[in-house]
Amino acid sequence: MPRSVNSVAAHKRRKKVLKKAKGYWGRGKNVHTVAKNKVEKGMTYAYRDRKAKKRTFRALWIQRINAGARLHGMSYSEFMGKVIAKNVGLNRKVLADLAANHPEAFKAVAEKVK
């Protein structure tokens, strides 16, 4: 009886890994054993950083709102407390954009919550 090997599936599996490793440096792009480790680590970083991205953007928005609020004589916590109390329907992302790119609109929001 001949030896049974599933070379078609094995080749497909290896090809899939090498396709994901396209553009890597050195042997990481063309040697399966090296590429497999690099792809695995890259996927781990991608998963982790999709979560971290949300944290870093929120921190950026807070810094921008704080800078804009201080121009109008308030701290970030004061400003956000008043925004929530007055039921202004703008989230941090929009407020940060107003503070950075549309200072006159941010001024109007600041005057409304004062």
PDB file of N, CA and C in Angstrom:
ATOM      1  N   MET A   1       0.849  -1.192   0.000  1.00  0.00           N
ATOM      2  CA  MET A   1       0.000   0.000   0.000  1.00  0.00           C
ATOM      3  C   MET A   1       0.889   1.248   0.000  1.00  0.00           C
ATOM      4  N   PRO A   2       0.629   2.215  -0.890  1.00  0.00           N
ATOM      5  CA  PRO A   2       1.462   3.418  -0.937  1.00  0.00           C
ATOM      6  C   PRO A   2       1.222   4.312   0.285  1.00  0.00           C
ATOM      7  N   ARG A   3       2.247   5.076   0.568  1.00  0.00           N
ATOM      8  CA  ARG A   3       2.170   6.003   1.707  1.00  0.00           C
ATOM      9  C   ARG A   3       1.191   7.123   1.373  1.00  0.00           C
ATOM     10  N   SER A   4       0.313   7.437   2.307  1.00  0.00           N
ATOM     11  CA  SER A   4      -0.696   8.468   2.082  1.00  0.00           C
ATOM     12  C   SER A   4      -0.213   9.802   2.661  1.00  0.00           C
ATOM     13  N   VAL A   5      -0.023  10.775   1.780  1.00  0.00           N
ATOM     14  CA  VAL A   5       0.378  12.117   2.238  1.00  0.00           C
ATOM     15  C   VAL A   5      -0.589  13.126   1.649  1.00  0.00           C
ATOM     16  N   ASN A   6      -0.854  14.147   2.410  1.00  0.00           N
ATOM     17  CA  ASN A   6      -1.797  15.170   1.957  1.00  0.00           C
ATOM     18  C   ASN A   6      -1.012  16.385   1.463  1.00  0.00           C
ATOM     19  N   SER A   7      -0.227  16.189   0.420  1.00  0.00           N
ATOM     20  CA  SER A   7       0.671  17.249  -0.029  1.00  0.00           C
ATOM     21  C   SER A   7      -0.067  18.445  -0.617  1.00  0.00           C
ATOM     22  N   VAL A   8      -1.232  18.224  -1.183  1.00  0.00           N
ATOM     23  CA  VAL A   8      -1.988  19.342  -1.761  1.00  0.00           C
ATOM     24  C   VAL A   8      -2.379  20.337  -0.674  1.00  0.00           C
ATOM     25  N   ALA A   9      -2.927  19.816   0.417  1.00  0.00           N
ATOM     26  CA  ALA A   9      -3.350  20.691   1.518  1.00  0.00           C
ATOM     27  C   ALA A   9      -2.144  21.328   2.198  1.00  0.00           C
ATOM     28  N   ALA A  10      -1.063  20.575   2.359  1.00  0.00           N
ATOM     29  CA  ALA A  10       0.141  21.108   2.999  1.00  0.00           C
ATOM     30  C   ALA A  10       0.725  22.247   2.167  1.00  0.00           C
ATOM     31  N   HIS A  11       0.767  22.057   0.858  1.00  0.00           N
ATOM     32  CA  HIS A  11       1.291  23.094  -0.034  1.00  0.00           C
ATOM     33  C   HIS A  11       0.422  24.352   0.032  1.00  0.00           C
ATOM     34  N   LYS A  12      -0.890  24.151   0.057  1.00  0.00           N
ATOM     35  CA  LYS A  12      -1.820  25.277   0.138  1.00  0.00           C
ATOM     36  C   LYS A  12      -1.629  26.053   1.445  1.00  0.00           C
ATOM     37  N   ARG A  13      -1.442  25.312   2.544  1.00  0.00           N
ATOM     38  CA  ARG A  13      -1.250  25.928   3.851  1.00  0.00           C
ATOM     39  C   ARG A  13       0.026  26.765   3.870  1.00  0.00           C
ATOM     40  N   ARG A  14       1.100  26.210   3.305  1.00  0.00           N
ATOM     41  CA  ARG A  14       2.377  26.929   3.276  1.00  0.00           C
ATOM     42  C   ARG A  14       2.297  28.158   2.371  1.00  0.00           C
ATOM     43  N   LYS A  15       1.595  28.012   1.257  1.00  0.00           N
ATOM     44  CA  LYS A  15       1.433  29.131   0.321  1.00  0.00           C
ATOM     45  C   LYS A  15       0.683  30.292   0.983  1.00  0.00           C
ATOM     46  N   LYS A  16      -0.317  29.916   1.800  1.00  0.00           N
ATOM     47  CA  LYS A  16      -1.123  30.922   2.497  1.00  0.00           C
ATOM     48  C   LYS A  16      -0.249  31.751   3.451  1.00  0.00           C
ATOM     49  N   VAL A  17       0.655  31.060   4.166  1.00  0.00           N
ATOM     50  CA  VAL A  17       1.553  31.744   5.102  1.00  0.00           C
ATOM     51  C   VAL A  17       2.517  32.644   4.331  1.00  0.00           C
ATOM     52  N   LEU A  18       3.085  32.125   3.247  1.00  0.00           N
ATOM     53  CA  LEU A  18       4.054  32.911   2.472  1.00  0.00           C
ATOM     54  C   LEU A  18       3.399  34.119   1.808  1.00  0.00           C
ATOM     55  N   LYS A  19       2.128  34.005   1.469  1.00  0.00           N
ATOM     56  CA  LYS A  19       1.413  35.142   0.890  1.00  0.00           C
ATOM     57  C   LYS A  19       1.260  36.260   1.923  1.00  0.00           C
ATOM     58  N   LYS A  20       0.964  35.877   3.175  1.00  0.00           N
ATOM     59  CA  LYS A  20       0.848  36.876   4.239  1.00  0.00           C
ATOM     60  C   LYS A  20       2.188  37.503   4.574  1.00  0.00           C
ATOM     61  N   ALA A  21       3.292  36.764   4.320  1.00  0.00           N
ATOM     62  CA  ALA A  21       4.638  37.248   4.656  1.00  0.00           C
ATOM     63  C   ALA A  21       5.243  38.094   3.541  1.00  0.00           C
ATOM     64  N   LYS A  22       4.481  38.361   2.505  1.00  0.00           N
ATOM     65  CA  LYS A  22       4.987  39.141   1.375  1.00  0.00           C
ATOM     66  C   LYS A  22       5.455  40.514   1.863  1.00  0.00           C
ATOM     67  N   GLY A  23       6.648  40.907   1.468  1.00  0.00           N
ATOM     68  CA  GLY A  23       7.169  42.208   1.860  1.00  0.00           C
ATOM     69  C   GLY A  23       8.028  42.179   3.101  1.00  0.00           C
ATOM     70  N   TYR A  24       8.110  41.040   3.783  1.00  0.00           N
ATOM     71  CA  TYR A  24       8.971  40.933   4.960  1.00  0.00           C
ATOM     72  C   TYR A  24      10.431  40.930   4.524  1.00  0.00           C
ATOM     73  N   TRP A  25      11.328  41.184   5.465  1.00  0.00           N
ATOM     74  CA  TRP A  25      12.748  41.323   5.193  1.00  0.00           C
ATOM     75  C   TRP A  25      13.459  39.977   5.331  1.00  0.00           C
ATOM     76  N   GLY A  26      14.444  39.749   4.476  1.00  0.00           N
ATOM     77  CA  GLY A  26      15.292  38.566   4.586  1.00  0.00           C
ATOM     78  C   GLY A  26      14.543  37.273   4.307  1.00  0.00           C
ATOM     79  N   ARG A  27      14.885  36.228   5.092  1.00  0.00           N
ATOM     80  CA  ARG A  27      14.260  34.925   4.882  1.00  0.00           C
ATOM     81  C   ARG A  27      12.812  34.896   5.344  1.00  0.00           C
ATOM     82  N   GLY A  28      12.369  35.939   6.020  1.00  0.00           N
ATOM     83  CA  GLY A  28      10.999  35.997   6.517  1.00  0.00           C
ATOM     84  C   GLY A  28       9.959  35.975   5.422  1.00  0.00           C
ATOM     85  N   LYS A  29      10.379  36.254   4.187  1.00  0.00           N
ATOM     86  CA  LYS A  29       9.402  36.290   3.100  1.00  0.00           C
ATOM     87  C   LYS A  29       9.359  35.012   2.268  1.00  0.00           C
ATOM     88  N   ASN A  30      10.418  34.152   2.357  1.00  0.00           N
ATOM     89  CA  ASN A  30      10.430  33.005   1.455  1.00  0.00           C
ATOM     90  C   ASN A  30      10.771  31.656   2.099  1.00  0.00           C
ATOM     91  N   VAL A  31      11.122  31.621   3.372  1.00  0.00           N
ATOM     92  CA  VAL A  31      11.366  30.354   4.068  1.00  0.00           C
ATOM     93  C   VAL A  31      10.183  30.117   5.005  1.00  0.00           C
ATOM     94  N   HIS A  32       9.479  29.018   4.779  1.00  0.00           N
ATOM     95  CA  HIS A  32       8.218  28.789   5.491  1.00  0.00           C
ATOM     96  C   HIS A  32       8.373  28.818   7.005  1.00  0.00           C
ATOM     97  N   THR A  33       9.405  28.149   7.548  1.00  0.00           N
ATOM     98  CA  THR A  33       9.535  28.076   9.013  1.00  0.00           C
ATOM     99  C   THR A  33       9.764  29.453   9.621  1.00  0.00           C
ATOM    100  N   VAL A  34      10.541  30.300   8.926  1.00  0.00           N
ATOM    101  CA  VAL A  34      10.795  31.655   9.426  1.00  0.00           C
ATOM    102  C   VAL A  34       9.548  32.520   9.223  1.00  0.00           C
ATOM    103  N   ALA A  35       8.947  32.412   8.048  1.00  0.00           N
ATOM    104  CA  ALA A  35       7.769  33.218   7.708  1.00  0.00           C
ATOM    105  C   ALA A  35       6.611  32.926   8.653  1.00  0.00           C
ATOM    106  N   LYS A  36       6.447  31.645   9.009  1.00  0.00           N
ATOM    107  CA  LYS A  36       5.343  31.251   9.888  1.00  0.00           C
ATOM    108  C   LYS A  36       5.421  31.995  11.220  1.00  0.00           C
ATOM    109  N   ASN A  37       6.632  32.052  11.796  1.00  0.00           N
ATOM    110  CA  ASN A  37       6.821  32.744  13.075  1.00  0.00           C
ATOM    111  C   ASN A  37       6.577  34.249  12.927  1.00  0.00           C
ATOM    112  N   LYS A  38       7.091  34.822  11.848  1.00  0.00           N
ATOM    113  CA  LYS A  38       6.922  36.273  11.640  1.00  0.00           C
ATOM    114  C   LYS A  38       5.465  36.638  11.425  1.00  0.00           C
ATOM    115  N   VAL A  39       4.758  35.832  10.645  1.00  0.00           N
ATOM    116  CA  VAL A  39       3.337  36.092  10.383  1.00  0.00           C
ATOM    117  C   VAL A  39       2.545  35.972  11.677  1.00  0.00           C
ATOM    118  N   GLU A  40       2.849  34.939  12.465  1.00  0.00           N
ATOM    119  CA  GLU A  40       2.139  34.736  13.740  1.00  0.00           C
ATOM    120  C   GLU A  40       2.329  35.935  14.668  1.00  0.00           C
ATOM    121  N   LYS A  41       3.576  36.400  14.762  1.00  0.00           N
ATOM    122  CA  LYS A  41       3.861  37.546  15.621  1.00  0.00           C
ATOM    123  C   LYS A  41       3.198  38.810  15.085  1.00  0.00           C
ATOM    124  N   GLY A  42       3.223  38.969  13.760  1.00  0.00           N
ATOM    125  CA  GLY A  42       2.587  40.128  13.145  1.00  0.00           C
ATOM    126  C   GLY A  42       1.091  40.160  13.404  1.00  0.00           C
ATOM    127  N   MET A  43       0.455  38.976  13.333  1.00  0.00           N
ATOM    128  CA  MET A  43      -0.983  38.902  13.595  1.00  0.00           C
ATOM    129  C   MET A  43      -1.285  39.231  15.066  1.00  0.00           C
ATOM    130  N   THR A  44      -0.383  38.818  15.954  1.00  0.00           N
ATOM    131  CA  THR A  44      -0.550  39.132  17.376  1.00  0.00           C
ATOM    132  C   THR A  44      -0.494  40.645  17.593  1.00  0.00           C
ATOM    133  N   TYR A  45       0.499  41.293  16.970  1.00  0.00           N
ATOM    134  CA  TYR A  45       0.615  42.746  17.071  1.00  0.00           C
ATOM    135  C   TYR A  45      -0.617  43.439  16.489  1.00  0.00           C
ATOM    136  N   ALA A  46      -1.099  42.923  15.358  1.00  0.00           N
ATOM    137  CA  ALA A  46      -2.265  43.533  14.717  1.00  0.00           C
ATOM    138  C   ALA A  46      -3.477  43.467  15.631  1.00  0.00           C
ATOM    139  N   TYR A  47      -3.690  42.321  16.264  1.00  0.00           N
ATOM    140  CA  TYR A  47      -4.824  42.152  17.176  1.00  0.00           C
ATOM    141  C   TYR A  47      -4.694  43.104  18.364  1.00  0.00           C
ATOM    142  N   ARG A  48      -3.491  43.133  18.953  1.00  0.00           N
ATOM    143  CA  ARG A  48      -3.257  43.983  20.122  1.00  0.00           C
ATOM    144  C   ARG A  48      -3.452  45.457  19.773  1.00  0.00           C
ATOM    145  N   ASP A  49      -2.911  45.859  18.620  1.00  0.00           N
ATOM    146  CA  ASP A  49      -2.907  47.278  18.287  1.00  0.00           C
ATOM    147  C   ASP A  49      -4.242  47.790  17.773  1.00  0.00           C
ATOM    148  N   ARG A  50      -5.124  46.879  17.358  1.00  0.00           N
ATOM    149  CA  ARG A  50      -6.486  47.335  17.043  1.00  0.00           C
ATOM    150  C   ARG A  50      -7.162  47.838  18.307  1.00  0.00           C
ATOM    151  N   LYS A  51      -6.829  47.245  19.446  1.00  0.00           N
ATOM    152  CA  LYS A  51      -7.376  47.709  20.725  1.00  0.00           C
ATOM    153  C   LYS A  51      -6.657  48.987  21.181  1.00  0.00           C
ATOM    154  N   ALA A  52      -5.335  49.004  21.030  1.00  0.00           N
ATOM    155  CA  ALA A  52      -4.531  50.148  21.485  1.00  0.00           C
ATOM    156  C   ALA A  52      -4.872  51.411  20.699  1.00  0.00           C
ATOM    157  N   LYS A  53      -5.225  51.245  19.427  1.00  0.00           N
ATOM    158  CA  LYS A  53      -5.561  52.382  18.562  1.00  0.00           C
ATOM    159  C   LYS A  53      -6.706  53.191  19.161  1.00  0.00           C
ATOM    160  N   LYS A  54      -7.686  52.507  19.711  1.00  0.00           N
ATOM    161  CA  LYS A  54      -8.840  53.185  20.303  1.00  0.00           C
ATOM    162  C   LYS A  54      -8.409  54.018  21.512  1.00  0.00           C
ATOM    163  N   ARG A  55      -7.489  53.468  22.314  1.00  0.00           N
ATOM    164  CA  ARG A  55      -7.001  54.190  23.491  1.00  0.00           C
ATOM    165  C   ARG A  55      -6.200  55.423  23.085  1.00  0.00           C
ATOM    166  N   THR A  56      -5.319  55.270  22.089  1.00  0.00           N
ATOM    167  CA  THR A  56      -4.468  56.395  21.711  1.00  0.00           C
ATOM    168  C   THR A  56      -5.288  57.519  21.085  1.00  0.00           C
ATOM    169  N   PHE A  57      -6.301  57.171  20.296  1.00  0.00           N
ATOM    170  CA  PHE A  57      -7.135  58.225  19.705  1.00  0.00           C
ATOM    171  C   PHE A  57      -7.937  58.953  20.774  1.00  0.00           C
ATOM    172  N   ARG A  58      -8.464  58.219  21.751  1.00  0.00           N
ATOM    173  CA  ARG A  58      -9.199  58.884  22.819  1.00  0.00           C
ATOM    174  C   ARG A  58      -8.290  59.848  23.583  1.00  0.00           C
ATOM    175  N   ALA A  59      -7.050  59.438  23.837  1.00  0.00           N
ATOM    176  CA  ALA A  59      -6.086  60.311  24.527  1.00  0.00           C
ATOM    177  C   ALA A  59      -5.811  61.572  23.699  1.00  0.00           C
ATOM    178  N   LEU A  60      -5.686  61.413  22.383  1.00  0.00           N
ATOM    179  CA  LEU A  60      -5.454  62.558  21.500  1.00  0.00           C
ATOM    180  C   LEU A  60      -6.639  63.522  21.542  1.00  0.00           C
ATOM    181  N   TRP A  61      -7.848  62.962  21.479  1.00  0.00           N
ATOM    182  CA  TRP A  61      -9.046  63.813  21.523  1.00  0.00           C
ATOM    183  C   TRP A  61      -9.094  64.597  22.824  1.00  0.00           C
ATOM    184  N   ILE A  62      -8.773  63.942  23.929  1.00  0.00           N
ATOM    185  CA  ILE A  62      -8.809  64.608  25.238  1.00  0.00           C
ATOM    186  C   ILE A  62      -7.805  65.756  25.273  1.00  0.00           C
ATOM    187  N   GLN A  63      -6.605  65.543  24.732  1.00  0.00           N
ATOM    188  CA  GLN A  63      -5.597  66.616  24.701  1.00  0.00           C
ATOM    189  C   GLN A  63      -6.076  67.802  23.876  1.00  0.00           C
ATOM    190  N   ARG A  64      -6.695  67.540  22.743  1.00  0.00           N
ATOM    191  CA  ARG A  64      -7.172  68.630  21.876  1.00  0.00           C
ATOM    192  C   ARG A  64      -8.317  69.398  22.527  1.00  0.00           C
ATOM    193  N   ILE A  65      -9.236  68.676  23.160  1.00  0.00           N
ATOM    194  CA  ILE A  65     -10.357  69.345  23.842  1.00  0.00           C
ATOM    195  C   ILE A  65      -9.826  70.175  25.000  1.00  0.00           C
ATOM    196  N   ASN A  66      -8.862  69.625  25.732  1.00  0.00           N
ATOM    197  CA  ASN A  66      -8.270  70.336  26.867  1.00  0.00           C
ATOM    198  C   ASN A  66      -7.624  71.635  26.409  1.00  0.00           C
ATOM    199  N   ALA A  67      -6.871  71.586  25.304  1.00  0.00           N
ATOM    200  CA  ALA A  67      -6.217  72.794  24.782  1.00  0.00           C
ATOM    201  C   ALA A  67      -7.263  73.834  24.384  1.00  0.00           C
ATOM    202  N   GLY A  68      -8.324  73.366  23.711  1.00  0.00           N
ATOM    203  CA  GLY A  68      -9.383  74.292  23.303  1.00  0.00           C
ATOM    204  C   GLY A  68     -10.137  74.863  24.487  1.00  0.00           C
ATOM    205  N   ALA A  69     -10.407  74.040  25.483  1.00  0.00           N
ATOM    206  CA  ALA A  69     -11.156  74.497  26.662  1.00  0.00           C
ATOM    207  C   ALA A  69     -10.352  75.521  27.459  1.00  0.00           C
ATOM    208  N   ARG A  70      -9.052  75.312  27.550  1.00  0.00           N
ATOM    209  CA  ARG A  70      -8.210  76.249  28.314  1.00  0.00           C
ATOM    210  C   ARG A  70      -8.140  77.622  27.655  1.00  0.00           C
ATOM    211  N   LEU A  71      -8.296  77.681  26.334  1.00  0.00           N
ATOM    212  CA  LEU A  71      -8.355  78.977  25.656  1.00  0.00           C
ATOM    213  C   LEU A  71      -9.594  79.763  26.073  1.00  0.00           C
ATOM    214  N   HIS A  72     -10.623  79.042  26.557  1.00  0.00           N
ATOM    215  CA  HIS A  72     -11.870  79.681  26.989  1.00  0.00           C
ATOM    216  C   HIS A  72     -12.025  79.647  28.514  1.00  0.00           C
ATOM    217  N   GLY A  73     -10.905  79.495  29.221  1.00  0.00           N
ATOM    218  CA  GLY A  73     -10.888  79.626  30.676  1.00  0.00           C
ATOM    219  C   GLY A  73     -11.455  78.452  31.450  1.00  0.00           C
ATOM    220  N   MET A  74     -11.418  77.260  30.878  1.00  0.00           N
ATOM    221  CA  MET A  74     -11.907  76.070  31.591  1.00  0.00           C
ATOM    222  C   MET A  74     -10.884  74.959  31.460  1.00  0.00           C
ATOM    223  N   SER A  75     -10.919  74.039  32.418  1.00  0.00           N
ATOM    224  CA  SER A  75     -10.104  72.834  32.275  1.00  0.00           C
ATOM    225  C   SER A  75     -10.918  71.799  31.502  1.00  0.00           C
ATOM    226  N   TYR A  76     -10.267  70.720  31.122  1.00  0.00           N
ATOM    227  CA  TYR A  76     -10.952  69.659  30.375  1.00  0.00           C
ATOM    228  C   TYR A  76     -12.102  69.079  31.193  1.00  0.00           C
ATOM    229  N   SER A  77     -11.833  68.786  32.473  1.00  0.00           N
ATOM    230  CA  SER A  77     -12.865  68.133  33.289  1.00  0.00           C
ATOM    231  C   SER A  77     -14.065  69.056  33.515  1.00  0.00           C
ATOM    232  N   GLU A  78     -13.800  70.330  33.722  1.00  0.00           N
ATOM    233  CA  GLU A  78     -14.897  71.306  33.857  1.00  0.00           C
ATOM    234  C   GLU A  78     -15.739  71.341  32.577  1.00  0.00           C
ATOM    235  N   PHE A  79     -15.033  71.468  31.459  1.00  0.00           N
ATOM    236  CA  PHE A  79     -15.696  71.583  30.167  1.00  0.00           C
ATOM    237  C   PHE A  79     -16.565  70.362  29.884  1.00  0.00           C
ATOM    238  N   MET A  80     -15.994  69.167  30.047  1.00  0.00           N
ATOM    239  CA  MET A  80     -16.742  67.942  29.748  1.00  0.00           C
ATOM    240  C   MET A  80     -17.900  67.752  30.730  1.00  0.00           C
ATOM    241  N   GLY A  81     -17.695  68.151  31.978  1.00  0.00           N
ATOM    242  CA  GLY A  81     -18.785  68.081  32.951  1.00  0.00           C
ATOM    243  C   GLY A  81     -19.961  68.937  32.531  1.00  0.00           C
ATOM    244  N   LYS A  82     -19.652  70.148  32.043  1.00  0.00           N
ATOM    245  CA  LYS A  82     -20.718  71.053  31.599  1.00  0.00           C
ATOM    246  C   LYS A  82     -21.359  70.575  30.294  1.00  0.00           C
ATOM    247  N   VAL A  83     -20.560  69.996  29.402  1.00  0.00           N
ATOM    248  CA  VAL A  83     -21.095  69.462  28.144  1.00  0.00           C
ATOM    249  C   VAL A  83     -22.111  68.365  28.445  1.00  0.00           C
ATOM    250  N   ILE A  84     -21.776  67.493  29.369  1.00  0.00           N
ATOM    251  CA  ILE A  84     -22.678  66.395  29.730  1.00  0.00           C
ATOM    252  C   ILE A  84     -23.915  66.927  30.456  1.00  0.00           C
ATOM    253  N   ALA A  85     -23.704  67.907  31.352  1.00  0.00           N
ATOM    254  CA  ALA A  85     -24.827  68.464  32.110  1.00  0.00           C
ATOM    255  C   ALA A  85     -25.819  69.197  31.195  1.00  0.00           C
ATOM    256  N   LYS A  86     -25.306  69.901  30.191  1.00  0.00           N
ATOM    257  CA  LYS A  86     -26.172  70.662  29.290  1.00  0.00           C
ATOM    258  C   LYS A  86     -26.716  69.819  28.131  1.00  0.00           C
ATOM    259  N   ASN A  87     -26.393  68.528  28.120  1.00  0.00           N
ATOM    260  CA  ASN A  87     -26.864  67.604  27.074  1.00  0.00           C
ATOM    261  C   ASN A  87     -26.488  68.055  25.668  1.00  0.00           C
ATOM    262  N   VAL A  88     -25.247  68.502  25.515  1.00  0.00           N
ATOM    263  CA  VAL A  88     -24.742  68.835  24.177  1.00  0.00           C
ATOM    264  C   VAL A  88     -24.451  67.496  23.497  1.00  0.00           C
ATOM    265  N   GLY A  89     -25.063  67.265  22.363  1.00  0.00           N
ATOM    266  CA  GLY A  89     -24.970  65.950  21.721  1.00  0.00           C
ATOM    267  C   GLY A  89     -23.720  65.747  20.885  1.00  0.00           C
ATOM    268  N   LEU A  90     -22.573  66.160  21.396  1.00  0.00           N
ATOM    269  CA  LEU A  90     -21.317  65.996  20.653  1.00  0.00           C
ATOM    270  C   LEU A  90     -20.377  65.096  21.458  1.00  0.00           C
ATOM    271  N   ASN A  91     -19.786  64.135  20.778  1.00  0.00           N
ATOM    272  CA  ASN A  91     -18.845  63.254  21.471  1.00  0.00           C
ATOM    273  C   ASN A  91     -17.436  63.841  21.423  1.00  0.00           C
ATOM    274  N   ARG A  92     -16.487  63.152  22.069  1.00  0.00           N
ATOM    275  CA  ARG A  92     -15.121  63.662  22.161  1.00  0.00           C
ATOM    276  C   ARG A  92     -14.465  63.793  20.790  1.00  0.00           C
ATOM    277  N   LYS A  93     -14.752  62.866  19.904  1.00  0.00           N
ATOM    278  CA  LYS A  93     -14.146  62.891  18.562  1.00  0.00           C
ATOM    279  C   LYS A  93     -14.535  64.173  17.828  1.00  0.00           C
ATOM    280  N   VAL A  94     -15.818  64.523  17.871  1.00  0.00           N
ATOM    281  CA  VAL A  94     -16.311  65.719  17.184  1.00  0.00           C
ATOM    282  C   VAL A  94     -15.800  66.977  17.872  1.00  0.00           C
ATOM    283  N   LEU A  95     -15.830  66.988  19.198  1.00  0.00           N
ATOM    284  CA  LEU A  95     -15.344  68.154  19.937  1.00  0.00           C
ATOM    285  C   LEU A  95     -13.865  68.407  19.659  1.00  0.00           C
ATOM    286  N   ALA A  96     -13.077  67.331  19.587  1.00  0.00           N
ATOM    287  CA  ALA A  96     -11.645  67.466  19.296  1.00  0.00           C
ATOM    288  C   ALA A  96     -11.426  68.031  17.894  1.00  0.00           C
ATOM    289  N   ASP A  97     -12.232  67.588  16.934  1.00  0.00           N
ATOM    290  CA  ASP A  97     -12.119  68.101  15.574  1.00  0.00           C
ATOM    291  C   ASP A  97     -12.468  69.582  15.528  1.00  0.00           C
ATOM    292  N   LEU A  98     -13.516  69.958  16.266  1.00  0.00           N
ATOM    293  CA  LEU A  98     -13.888  71.376  16.324  1.00  0.00           C
ATOM    294  C   LEU A  98     -12.772  72.206  16.955  1.00  0.00           C
ATOM    295  N   ALA A  99     -12.198  71.699  18.044  1.00  0.00           N
ATOM    296  CA  ALA A  99     -11.147  72.436  18.744  1.00  0.00           C
ATOM    297  C   ALA A  99      -9.918  72.629  17.864  1.00  0.00           C
ATOM    298  N   ALA A 100      -9.579  71.607  17.075  1.00  0.00           N
ATOM    299  CA  ALA A 100      -8.364  71.675  16.264  1.00  0.00           C
ATOM    300  C   ALA A 100      -8.578  72.417  14.944  1.00  0.00           C
ATOM    301  N   ASN A 101      -9.718  72.186  14.282  1.00  0.00           N
ATOM    302  CA  ASN A 101      -9.891  72.681  12.910  1.00  0.00           C
ATOM    303  C   ASN A 101     -10.910  73.807  12.755  1.00  0.00           C
ATOM    304  N   HIS A 102     -11.824  73.946  13.708  1.00  0.00           N
ATOM    305  CA  HIS A 102     -12.874  74.970  13.611  1.00  0.00           C
ATOM    306  C   HIS A 102     -13.002  75.701  14.951  1.00  0.00           C
ATOM    307  N   PRO A 103     -12.034  76.559  15.274  1.00  0.00           N
ATOM    308  CA  PRO A 103     -12.038  77.206  16.589  1.00  0.00           C
ATOM    309  C   PRO A 103     -13.272  78.071  16.855  1.00  0.00           C
ATOM    310  N   GLU A 104     -13.841  78.690  15.804  1.00  0.00           N
ATOM    311  CA  GLU A 104     -15.032  79.528  16.019  1.00  0.00           C
ATOM    312  C   GLU A 104     -16.234  78.673  16.409  1.00  0.00           C
ATOM    313  N   ALA A 105     -16.344  77.471  15.837  1.00  0.00           N
ATOM    314  CA  ALA A 105     -17.432  76.564  16.212  1.00  0.00           C
ATOM    315  C   ALA A 105     -17.233  76.045  17.638  1.00  0.00           C
ATOM    316  N   PHE A 106     -15.973  75.764  17.976  1.00  0.00           N
ATOM    317  CA  PHE A 106     -15.674  75.298  19.347  1.00  0.00           C
ATOM    318  C   PHE A 106     -15.976  76.405  20.351  1.00  0.00           C
ATOM    319  N   LYS A 107     -15.698  77.649  19.947  1.00  0.00           N
ATOM    320  CA  LYS A 107     -15.980  78.798  20.821  1.00  0.00           C
ATOM    321  C   LYS A 107     -17.473  78.880  21.100  1.00  0.00           C
ATOM    322  N   ALA A 108     -18.298  78.631  20.083  1.00  0.00           N
ATOM    323  CA  ALA A 108     -19.742  78.666  20.240  1.00  0.00           C
ATOM    324  C   ALA A 108     -20.201  77.586  21.226  1.00  0.00           C
ATOM    325  N   VAL A 109     -19.594  76.411  21.119  1.00  0.00           N
ATOM    326  CA  VAL A 109     -19.937  75.329  22.066  1.00  0.00           C
ATOM    327  C   VAL A 109     -19.505  75.720  23.470  1.00  0.00           C
ATOM    328  N   ALA A 110     -18.309  76.302  23.605  1.00  0.00           N
ATOM    329  CA  ALA A 110     -17.805  76.708  24.919  1.00  0.00           C
ATOM    330  C   ALA A 110     -18.698  77.778  25.531  1.00  0.00           C
ATOM    331  N   GLU A 111     -19.152  78.730  24.728  1.00  0.00           N
ATOM    332  CA  GLU A 111     -20.045  79.780  25.238  1.00  0.00           C
ATOM    333  C   GLU A 111     -21.373  79.192  25.683  1.00  0.00           C
ATOM    334  N   LYS A 112     -21.851  78.197  24.940  1.00  0.00           N
ATOM    335  CA  LYS A 112     -23.140  77.578  25.275  1.00  0.00           C
ATOM    336  C   LYS A 112     -23.085  76.838  26.615  1.00  0.00           C
ATOM    337  N   VAL A 113     -21.965  76.191  26.889  1.00  0.00           N
ATOM    338  CA  VAL A 113     -21.884  75.401  28.131  1.00  0.00           C
ATOM    339  C   VAL A 113     -21.452  76.212  29.341  1.00  0.00           C
ATOM    340  N   LYS A 114     -20.933  77.415  29.136  1.00  0.00           N
ATOM    341  CA  LYS A 114     -20.506  78.246  30.278  1.00  0.00           C
ATOM    342  C   LYS A 114     -21.674  78.640  31.161  1.00  0.00           C
TER     343      LYS A 114
END
